[in-house]
Amino acid sequence: MVTDHDVIVIGAGCAGLAAGLYTARSGFDTIVMEKKNLGGELASRQLIENYPGFPDGVQGPELATFMTKQAENYGVEFVTDEAASIKSKESYKMVRTVSGDTITCKGIVLATGSHPRLLGVPGEKELTGKGVFYCATCDGPRCAGKYVMVAGAGDSGLTEALNLVKLGCKVTVVEFMEKPKASQIMQDRCAENDNIEIICNWKTNSISGTDWVTGVEIENRATGEKRTLNVEGVFIRVGQLSNTDFVKGLVNMAPNGQVIVDQNMQSSVPGIVAAGDIRSWSPAQISTGVGDGVTAAMTLVRYLNTRG
């Protein structure tokens, strides 16, 4: 069957861009489908210090631009749309989009990344965009100079805290577990900053405010003590959830929603590979996402070559 394209890469984060680059360089007609900004999570990150090849770090949007341009140079076409569902036939795949289009191809790379996990507490939904945010790079300036809270003391949470103090904020980081999950270097950087406080073994009960956040009630998990933080902003970084609803029932998935793959990023469906945050056991790092994209693309290229 003649298809619209050879390869559809769904998601234009680091994994999707790397995959598209490799399939296009291998001579396959490739489109990369992205519903939002090209670069995915990269576009919302400020200084990235642990990506190899940049000894002084690199700005996320700059790295996203480099990757996008490189893929374009090898013929990748970018489409602004979102996959709603996929059907797999013996010789081709069909991707139905949210806009109503149906696009056919011979192979698919799933690289749709993840989205923030919610706290699920009273006030969070009502005050989202009104002091409740999920990205300091995107929305931190709206809280410049204010007392704010960051929920979550993993690497992403402490990165948010360090970004916020650059905007003149005083930050309390509230961690549910008994100790921070962040790397030691991130903990050390926060400990050196007098405007960052980290408290562990506390849970968030509710977020208050009418037109804007005015406070957060937290509770000590060991003693039951309750406190109110009179913050004017809350930045939530308590984990990510895979964007895989559109492939439920098609490929085998883990209980957490990630696509189960083998060491070659091959899913349970021939001709469909997965890369980045959405694949099982992902370390959720930019560098591993790029590696996943390359591995997935090479697996798909072998599959397409054997199919003629």
Protein backbone atom coordinates (compact mmCIF):
# COMPACT_ATOMS: atom_id res chain seq x y z
CA MET A 1 0.00 0.00 0.00
CA VAL A 2 1.14 3.54 -0.78
CA THR A 3 1.05 5.55 2.44
CA ASP A 4 1.08 9.28 3.07
CA HIS A 5 4.47 9.01 4.76
CA ASP A 6 7.01 6.37 5.71
CA VAL A 7 7.34 7.43 9.37
CA ILE A 8 5.26 9.46 11.77
CA VAL A 9 7.00 10.61 14.93
CA ILE A 10 4.43 11.67 17.51
CA GLY A 11 6.00 14.24 19.82
CA ALA A 12 8.70 16.84 19.18
CA GLY A 13 10.66 16.68 22.43
CA CYS A 14 14.28 15.58 22.55
CA ALA A 15 13.40 11.91 21.89
CA GLY A 16 11.09 12.69 18.98
CA LEU A 17 13.50 15.12 17.36
CA ALA A 18 16.38 12.63 17.59
CA ALA A 19 14.21 9.86 16.14
CA GLY A 20 13.00 12.04 13.28
CA LEU A 21 16.55 13.08 12.47
CA TYR A 22 17.69 9.45 12.21
CA THR A 23 14.78 8.14 10.14
CA ALA A 24 15.00 11.10 7.75
CA ARG A 25 18.77 10.66 7.36
CA SER A 26 18.10 7.02 6.54
CA GLY A 27 16.04 8.10 3.56
CA PHE A 28 12.53 7.71 4.94
CA ASP A 29 9.84 10.34 4.43
CA THR A 30 9.31 11.53 8.01
CA ILE A 31 6.88 13.88 9.68
CA VAL A 32 7.03 14.93 13.34
CA MET A 33 3.65 15.73 14.89
CA GLU A 34 3.53 18.08 17.87
CA LYS A 35 0.50 19.73 19.47
CA LYS A 36 2.40 22.53 21.22
CA ASN A 37 5.92 23.91 21.08
CA LEU A 38 8.68 22.21 19.15
CA GLY A 39 11.23 20.97 21.65
CA GLY A 40 8.73 19.79 24.24
CA GLU A 41 10.07 20.04 27.80
CA LEU A 42 13.32 21.52 26.46
CA ALA A 43 11.50 24.71 25.53
CA SER A 44 10.50 25.31 29.17
CA ARG A 45 13.90 24.65 30.73
CA GLN A 46 16.40 27.42 31.42
CA LEU A 47 19.99 26.36 31.95
CA ILE A 48 20.64 22.66 31.28
CA GLU A 49 23.96 21.69 32.84
CA ASN A 50 24.07 17.92 32.42
CA TYR A 51 23.70 17.56 28.65
CA PRO A 52 27.02 16.31 27.20
CA GLY A 53 28.95 18.65 24.95
CA PHE A 54 28.13 21.95 26.67
CA PRO A 55 30.69 22.50 29.46
CA ASP A 56 29.03 25.74 30.58
CA GLY A 57 25.49 24.43 30.13
CA VAL A 58 22.98 25.30 27.43
CA GLN A 59 19.67 27.11 27.45
CA GLY A 60 16.73 24.74 26.87
CA PRO A 61 15.06 26.80 24.12
CA GLU A 62 18.42 27.15 22.36
CA LEU A 63 19.02 23.38 22.41
CA ALA A 64 15.47 22.79 21.16
CA THR A 65 16.09 25.19 18.28
CA PHE A 66 19.35 23.44 17.37
CA MET A 67 17.68 20.01 17.35
CA THR A 68 14.69 21.24 15.34
CA LYS A 69 16.86 22.94 12.72
CA GLN A 70 19.07 19.88 12.37
CA ALA A 71 16.04 17.66 11.76
CA GLU A 72 14.66 20.15 9.22
CA ASN A 73 18.00 20.16 7.39
CA TYR A 74 17.56 16.44 6.72
CA GLY A 75 14.01 16.79 5.43
CA VAL A 76 11.81 16.31 8.48
CA GLU A 77 8.41 17.96 8.08
CA PHE A 78 6.67 19.32 11.18
CA VAL A 79 2.92 19.12 11.62
CA THR A 80 1.01 20.96 14.34
CA ASP A 81 -1.63 18.51 15.53
CA GLU A 82 -2.29 15.88 18.20
CA ALA A 83 -2.78 12.14 17.81
CA ALA A 84 -6.19 10.98 19.01
CA SER A 85 -5.88 7.29 18.15
CA ILE A 86 -3.81 4.80 16.16
CA LYS A 87 -4.83 1.70 14.22
CA SER A 88 -2.26 -0.87 13.19
CA LYS A 89 -2.80 -2.88 10.03
CA GLU A 90 -0.50 -5.58 8.70
CA SER A 91 1.23 -3.36 6.15
CA TYR A 92 0.52 0.15 7.42
CA LYS A 93 -0.59 2.30 10.36
CA MET A 94 -3.31 4.93 10.59
CA VAL A 95 -3.07 7.96 12.86
CA ARG A 96 -6.29 9.85 13.48
CA THR A 97 -5.68 13.37 14.77
CA VAL A 98 -7.66 15.63 17.08
CA SER A 99 -8.32 17.93 14.13
CA GLY A 100 -10.04 15.06 12.30
CA ASP A 101 -7.36 14.11 9.78
CA THR A 102 -6.30 10.52 9.12
CA ILE A 103 -2.66 10.03 8.13
CA THR A 104 -1.19 6.71 7.01
CA CYS A 105 2.40 5.53 7.43
CA LYS A 106 4.53 2.41 7.61
CA GLY A 107 6.02 2.95 11.07
CA ILE A 108 5.46 5.10 14.16
CA VAL A 109 7.69 6.49 16.90
CA LEU A 110 5.79 7.27 20.11
CA ALA A 111 7.55 10.15 21.86
CA THR A 112 4.75 12.14 23.47
CA GLY A 113 6.52 12.71 26.77
CA SER A 114 4.67 13.40 29.99
CA HIS A 115 2.66 16.03 31.85
CA PRO A 116 2.78 17.22 35.46
CA ARG A 117 1.19 15.12 38.18
CA LEU A 118 -1.36 17.13 40.14
CA LEU A 119 -1.48 17.40 43.91
CA GLY A 120 -5.23 16.83 43.83
CA VAL A 121 -5.97 19.13 46.77
CA PRO A 122 -8.75 21.70 47.26
CA GLY A 123 -7.97 24.97 45.55
CA GLU A 124 -5.46 23.58 43.06
CA LYS A 125 -7.79 23.42 40.08
CA GLU A 126 -9.61 26.64 40.91
CA LEU A 127 -6.39 28.65 41.28
CA THR A 128 -4.43 27.17 38.38
CA GLY A 129 -3.08 30.15 36.47
CA LYS A 130 -3.92 32.36 39.45
CA GLY A 131 -0.87 31.59 41.52
CA VAL A 132 -0.78 27.83 41.00
CA PHE A 133 1.73 26.92 38.31
CA TYR A 134 3.69 23.93 37.04
CA CYS A 135 6.67 25.64 35.39
CA ALA A 136 8.78 28.41 36.94
CA THR A 137 10.51 29.09 33.64
CA CYS A 138 7.14 29.78 32.04
CA ASP A 139 5.30 31.52 34.87
CA GLY A 140 7.89 32.44 37.51
CA PRO A 141 7.96 36.12 36.49
CA ARG A 142 4.32 36.40 37.58
CA CYS A 143 5.48 35.76 41.15
CA ALA A 144 8.67 37.82 41.05
CA GLY A 145 9.63 39.17 44.46
CA LYS A 146 6.95 37.15 46.30
CA TYR A 147 7.02 34.44 48.93
CA VAL A 148 6.23 31.18 47.13
CA MET A 149 6.09 27.45 47.76
CA VAL A 150 7.47 24.65 45.61
CA ALA A 151 5.82 21.25 46.07
CA GLY A 152 8.39 18.48 45.58
CA ALA A 153 12.09 18.28 46.42
CA GLY A 154 13.29 16.24 43.48
CA ASP A 155 15.75 17.67 40.95
CA SER A 156 12.97 19.46 39.09
CA GLY A 157 11.55 20.97 42.28
CA LEU A 158 14.90 22.30 43.48
CA THR A 159 15.65 23.61 39.99
CA GLU A 160 12.39 25.54 40.21
CA ALA A 161 13.40 26.92 43.61
CA LEU A 162 16.77 28.11 42.32
CA ASN A 163 15.12 29.75 39.31
CA LEU A 164 12.59 31.50 41.53
CA VAL A 165 15.16 33.03 43.89
CA LYS A 166 16.77 34.62 40.83
CA LEU A 167 13.46 36.45 40.44
CA GLY A 168 13.69 37.80 43.98
CA CYS A 169 11.42 35.18 45.54
CA LYS A 170 11.67 33.63 48.97
CA VAL A 171 10.95 29.90 48.59
CA THR A 172 9.78 27.12 50.88
CA VAL A 173 10.12 23.68 49.30
CA VAL A 174 7.66 21.17 50.77
CA GLU A 175 8.56 17.48 50.34
CA PHE A 176 6.14 14.65 51.13
CA MET A 177 8.88 12.09 51.78
CA GLU A 178 11.25 12.07 54.75
CA LYS A 179 14.16 13.47 52.76
CA PRO A 180 14.70 15.23 49.42
CA LYS A 181 14.86 13.08 46.30
CA ALA A 182 17.12 15.51 44.45
CA SER A 183 20.76 14.89 43.67
CA GLN A 184 23.23 16.02 46.31
CA ILE A 185 24.61 18.81 44.14
CA MET A 186 21.14 20.34 43.86
CA GLN A 187 20.59 20.03 47.60
CA ASP A 188 23.94 21.70 48.27
CA ARG A 189 23.11 24.62 46.00
CA CYS A 190 19.82 25.20 47.77
CA ALA A 191 21.46 24.90 51.20
CA GLU A 192 23.85 27.69 50.22
CA ASN A 193 20.95 30.04 49.45
CA ASP A 194 19.39 31.82 52.43
CA ASN A 195 16.17 32.40 50.50
CA ILE A 196 15.41 28.67 50.11
CA GLU A 197 13.99 26.53 52.92
CA ILE A 198 13.37 22.79 52.45
CA ILE A 199 11.01 20.99 54.82
CA CYS A 200 10.42 17.24 54.52
CA ASN A 201 7.70 14.84 55.67
CA TRP A 202 4.97 17.42 55.15
CA LYS A 203 1.92 17.08 52.93
CA THR A 204 -0.15 19.79 51.26
CA ASN A 205 -3.77 19.84 52.47
CA SER A 206 -5.23 22.77 50.56
CA ILE A 207 -4.49 25.95 48.63
CA SER A 208 -6.47 29.06 49.53
CA GLY A 209 -7.34 32.24 47.69
CA THR A 210 -10.07 33.78 45.57
CA ASP A 211 -8.59 35.64 42.62
CA TRP A 212 -5.00 34.67 43.51
CA VAL A 213 -3.23 32.31 45.90
CA THR A 214 -3.03 33.70 49.44
CA GLY A 215 -1.87 30.66 51.40
CA VAL A 216 -1.28 26.93 51.65
CA GLU A 217 -2.14 24.61 54.54
CA ILE A 218 0.44 21.89 55.12
CA GLU A 219 0.49 19.05 57.65
CA ASN A 220 3.37 17.18 59.24
CA ARG A 221 2.95 13.50 58.42
CA ALA A 222 4.64 12.36 61.65
CA THR A 223 3.07 14.66 64.24
CA GLY A 224 -0.12 15.89 62.58
CA GLU A 225 0.92 19.52 63.18
CA LYS A 226 -0.69 21.91 60.70
CA ARG A 227 0.79 25.14 59.42
CA THR A 228 -0.32 27.85 57.02
CA LEU A 229 2.27 29.25 54.63
CA ASN A 230 1.24 32.75 53.58
CA VAL A 231 2.58 32.30 50.08
CA GLU A 232 1.48 34.12 46.94
CA GLY A 233 2.46 31.39 44.54
CA VAL A 234 2.66 27.60 44.36
CA PHE A 235 4.83 25.72 41.87
CA ILE A 236 4.00 22.03 41.71
CA ARG A 237 6.71 19.53 40.74
CA VAL A 238 5.65 16.18 42.18
CA GLY A 239 6.26 13.96 39.19
CA GLN A 240 5.15 13.41 35.64
CA LEU A 241 2.48 11.22 34.01
CA SER A 242 2.96 9.66 30.59
CA ASN A 243 0.95 11.04 27.67
CA THR A 244 -0.19 7.64 26.43
CA ASP A 245 -4.01 7.65 26.63
CA PHE A 246 -4.26 7.59 22.83
CA VAL A 247 -2.51 4.18 22.61
CA LYS A 248 -4.36 2.38 25.41
CA GLY A 249 -5.53 -0.98 24.13
CA LEU A 250 -3.08 -0.89 21.23
CA VAL A 251 0.31 -1.54 22.84
CA ASN A 252 1.19 -3.26 26.10
CA MET A 253 1.48 -0.75 28.92
CA ALA A 254 2.79 -0.78 32.48
CA PRO A 255 0.45 0.05 35.39
CA ASN A 256 1.91 3.58 35.50
CA GLY A 257 0.88 4.23 31.89
CA GLN A 258 4.29 3.83 30.27
CA VAL A 259 4.67 1.83 27.07
CA ILE A 260 6.45 -1.47 27.66
CA VAL A 261 9.42 -1.83 25.33
CA ASP A 262 12.40 -4.13 24.91
CA GLN A 263 16.03 -3.05 24.82
CA ASN A 264 15.53 -1.82 21.24
CA MET A 265 12.55 0.41 22.17
CA GLN A 266 10.24 -1.99 20.32
CA SER A 267 6.68 -2.06 21.65
CA SER A 268 4.37 -5.07 21.52
CA VAL A 269 3.19 -3.97 18.06
CA PRO A 270 5.64 -4.43 15.15
CA GLY A 271 6.38 -1.13 13.50
CA ILE A 272 5.58 0.93 16.60
CA VAL A 273 8.47 1.97 18.83
CA ALA A 274 8.52 4.23 21.89
CA ALA A 275 11.17 6.61 23.23
CA GLY A 276 11.72 9.03 26.09
CA ASP A 277 9.60 9.55 29.18
CA ILE A 278 6.76 7.36 27.93
CA ARG A 279 8.75 4.13 27.64
CA SER A 280 9.04 1.68 30.53
CA TRP A 281 11.88 2.26 33.02
CA SER A 282 12.76 5.64 31.52
CA PRO A 283 15.28 7.66 33.59
CA ALA A 284 13.44 10.78 32.29
CA GLN A 285 16.63 12.63 31.35
CA ILE A 286 17.30 14.70 28.24
CA SER A 287 20.41 12.74 27.30
CA THR A 288 18.70 9.36 27.70
CA GLY A 289 15.69 10.67 25.78
CA VAL A 290 17.96 11.48 22.85
CA GLY A 291 19.52 8.01 23.10
CA ASP A 292 16.07 6.43 23.21
CA GLY A 293 15.08 8.34 20.09
CA VAL A 294 18.16 7.16 18.22
CA THR A 295 17.67 3.53 19.31
CA ALA A 296 13.97 3.61 18.43
CA ALA A 297 14.70 5.11 15.01
CA MET A 298 17.34 2.51 14.21
CA THR A 299 14.96 -0.27 15.24
CA LEU A 300 12.24 1.19 13.03
CA VAL A 301 14.64 1.59 10.10
CA ARG A 302 15.57 -2.11 10.33
CA TYR A 303 11.88 -3.01 10.44
CA LEU A 304 11.06 -0.88 7.40
CA ASN A 305 14.01 -2.21 5.42
CA THR A 306 12.92 -5.80 6.03
CA ARG A 307 9.41 -4.87 4.91
CA GLY A 308 10.77 -3.58 1.61
